[in-house]
Amino acid sequence: MNDASNTPSCLPPWRLRTRQVRGGLSRSSFCETAEGLFMTSGYVYESAEEAQESFDGTRDRYVYSRVKNPTIRIFEMRLAEIEGALDCRATSSGMAAVFAALACNLKTGDRVVAARALFGSCTYILTEVLPRFGIRITFVDGTDLNQWEEAFA
């Protein structure tokens, strides 16, 4: 790979629009015309030590496709190119994305202020899941600016 442009080393550097369509592509030494689909859930390791290091995060390897796999990584890198972002993480559902955004940014003792009128699964995360981690939730009428101001005061 050509690190500067995310272009496979067997090809000339790509311009922005091409990176947005083809970004994240990891070609083999054969320079095939399309990336492969990795339809596996597990991966092979040369030794028990390599497996252990892969599973504990010491070694950067794919370990289980529901967590990450090369096909999803290509998608994430391509979406980051389209959005002009440094990186991207894909989730299997919108609620997984909502939970990931909350769980990665909140910690014990934090408080969330949210409108009462939310998608049911969002309400469940706020009322049932996050409080288990010591995160407080305050609900307000989303159309009442005074309630928002009071909640943040």
Protein backbone atom coordinates (compact mmCIF):
# COMPACT_ATOMS: atom_id res chain seq x y z
CA MET A 1 0.00 0.00 0.00
CA ASN A 2 1.04 3.54 -0.69
CA ASP A 3 0.36 5.08 2.75
CA ALA A 4 -0.04 8.64 1.46
CA SER A 5 -2.99 7.92 -0.78
CA ASN A 6 -4.28 4.52 0.37
CA THR A 7 -3.51 3.26 -3.13
CA PRO A 8 -2.32 -0.32 -3.60
CA SER A 9 1.40 -0.22 -4.41
CA CYS A 10 0.79 -2.00 -7.73
CA LEU A 11 -1.22 1.00 -8.99
CA PRO A 12 -0.48 4.70 -9.59
CA PRO A 13 -1.61 7.12 -6.82
CA TRP A 14 -5.38 7.67 -6.77
CA ARG A 15 -7.09 11.05 -6.82
CA LEU A 16 -9.69 11.95 -4.18
CA ARG A 17 -12.80 10.74 -6.05
CA THR A 18 -11.18 7.39 -6.82
CA ARG A 19 -10.13 6.97 -3.17
CA GLN A 20 -13.73 7.66 -2.17
CA VAL A 21 -14.94 4.81 -4.38
CA ARG A 22 -12.02 2.40 -3.96
CA GLY A 23 -10.50 3.43 -0.60
CA GLY A 24 -9.62 0.73 1.89
CA LEU A 25 -8.82 -1.69 -0.87
CA SER A 26 -6.09 -4.13 0.01
CA ARG A 27 -4.97 -5.96 -3.11
CA SER A 28 -2.77 -9.00 -3.09
CA SER A 29 0.42 -9.18 -5.12
CA PHE A 30 -1.75 -10.40 -8.03
CA CYS A 31 -3.45 -6.95 -8.38
CA GLU A 32 -6.91 -8.45 -8.84
CA THR A 33 -9.69 -6.15 -10.07
CA ALA A 34 -11.96 -6.47 -7.02
CA GLU A 35 -11.38 -7.06 -3.34
CA GLY A 36 -12.25 -10.45 -1.97
CA LEU A 37 -15.07 -11.17 0.44
CA PHE A 38 -13.96 -12.86 3.63
CA MET A 39 -16.82 -15.19 4.51
CA THR A 40 -15.30 -16.79 7.59
CA SER A 41 -15.90 -16.42 11.29
CA GLY A 42 -12.49 -17.57 12.49
CA TYR A 43 -8.84 -17.39 11.56
CA VAL A 44 -5.83 -19.72 11.68
CA TYR A 45 -2.83 -19.11 13.94
CA GLU A 46 0.68 -20.51 13.60
CA SER A 47 0.94 -21.23 17.33
CA ALA A 48 -0.93 -21.05 20.62
CA GLU A 49 1.21 -18.02 21.50
CA GLU A 50 0.15 -16.20 18.32
CA ALA A 51 -3.50 -16.98 19.11
CA GLN A 52 -3.12 -15.75 22.70
CA GLU A 53 -1.47 -12.50 21.56
CA SER A 54 -4.18 -12.02 18.93
CA PHE A 55 -7.03 -12.55 21.38
CA ASP A 56 -5.55 -10.35 24.12
CA GLY A 57 -4.84 -7.52 21.66
CA THR A 58 -1.04 -7.65 21.90
CA ARG A 59 -0.89 -8.64 18.24
CA ASP A 60 -3.08 -6.82 15.70
CA ARG A 61 -4.86 -9.76 14.04
CA TYR A 62 -8.39 -10.66 13.10
CA VAL A 63 -9.81 -13.09 15.67
CA TYR A 64 -13.56 -13.31 15.13
CA SER A 65 -15.54 -11.87 12.23
CA ARG A 66 -18.40 -10.53 14.32
CA VAL A 67 -15.88 -8.20 15.93
CA LYS A 68 -13.98 -7.25 12.76
CA ASN A 69 -12.95 -8.77 9.47
CA PRO A 70 -11.13 -7.63 6.33
CA THR A 71 -14.34 -7.09 4.32
CA ILE A 72 -15.84 -4.81 6.98
CA ARG A 73 -12.51 -2.99 7.39
CA ILE A 74 -12.48 -2.17 3.66
CA PHE A 75 -16.00 -0.76 4.01
CA GLU A 76 -14.98 1.33 7.05
CA MET A 77 -11.93 2.77 5.29
CA ARG A 78 -13.97 3.59 2.19
CA LEU A 79 -16.68 5.31 4.24
CA ALA A 80 -14.01 7.33 6.06
CA GLU A 81 -12.69 8.49 2.67
CA ILE A 82 -16.20 9.52 1.57
CA GLU A 83 -16.80 11.43 4.81
CA GLY A 84 -13.31 12.96 4.91
CA ALA A 85 -12.77 11.32 8.30
CA LEU A 86 -9.61 9.80 9.75
CA ASP A 87 -11.34 6.48 10.41
CA CYS A 88 -14.71 4.81 10.78
CA ARG A 89 -16.31 1.95 12.67
CA ALA A 90 -19.24 0.02 11.25
CA THR A 91 -21.88 -1.64 13.41
CA SER A 92 -24.45 -4.27 12.54
CA SER A 93 -27.42 -2.07 13.44
CA GLY A 94 -28.40 1.47 14.27
CA MET A 95 -28.93 0.57 17.91
CA ALA A 96 -25.46 -0.95 18.06
CA ALA A 97 -24.15 2.39 16.78
CA VAL A 98 -26.18 4.32 19.38
CA PHE A 99 -24.95 2.10 22.21
CA ALA A 100 -21.33 2.26 20.99
CA ALA A 101 -21.46 6.07 20.84
CA LEU A 102 -22.82 6.27 24.38
CA ALA A 103 -20.68 3.52 25.93
CA CYS A 104 -17.46 4.92 24.47
CA ASN A 105 -18.07 8.43 25.76
CA LEU A 106 -19.75 7.96 29.14
CA LYS A 107 -18.35 6.80 32.46
CA THR A 108 -19.62 6.19 35.97
CA GLY A 109 -20.93 9.42 37.48
CA ASP A 110 -21.83 11.05 34.16
CA ARG A 111 -25.33 12.32 33.43
CA VAL A 112 -27.25 12.23 30.16
CA VAL A 113 -30.03 14.70 29.40
CA ALA A 114 -32.42 13.35 26.78
CA ALA A 115 -35.84 14.09 25.34
CA ARG A 116 -38.66 11.86 26.59
CA ALA A 117 -39.82 11.17 23.03
CA LEU A 118 -37.20 8.69 21.79
CA PHE A 119 -37.13 5.49 19.80
CA GLY A 120 -38.11 2.69 22.19
CA SER A 121 -34.74 0.95 22.11
CA CYS A 122 -32.97 4.24 22.89
CA THR A 123 -35.22 4.67 25.92
CA TYR A 124 -34.37 1.11 27.01
CA ILE A 125 -30.62 1.81 26.80
CA LEU A 126 -31.04 5.01 28.81
CA THR A 127 -33.38 3.59 31.47
CA GLU A 128 -32.20 0.00 31.83
CA VAL A 129 -28.62 -0.37 30.60
CA LEU A 130 -26.66 2.81 31.35
CA PRO A 131 -27.85 3.14 34.99
CA ARG A 132 -26.22 -0.26 35.68
CA PHE A 133 -22.91 1.51 35.05
CA GLY A 134 -23.65 4.42 37.37
CA ILE A 135 -24.75 6.81 34.63
CA ARG A 136 -27.65 9.08 35.58
CA ILE A 137 -30.37 9.99 33.09
CA THR A 138 -32.58 13.08 33.11
CA PHE A 139 -35.53 13.21 30.73
CA VAL A 140 -37.07 16.46 29.54
CA ASP A 141 -39.81 17.53 27.16
CA GLY A 142 -37.79 17.87 23.97
CA THR A 143 -39.92 20.79 22.77
CA ASP A 144 -39.52 22.84 25.97
CA LEU A 145 -36.34 24.94 25.87
CA ASN A 146 -36.78 25.91 29.55
CA GLN A 147 -36.62 22.24 30.61
CA TRP A 148 -33.38 21.79 28.65
CA GLU A 149 -31.89 24.91 30.25
CA GLU A 150 -32.93 23.78 33.75
CA ALA A 151 -31.49 20.31 33.17
CA PHE A 152 -28.13 21.77 32.19
CA ALA A 153 -28.08 24.44 34.95
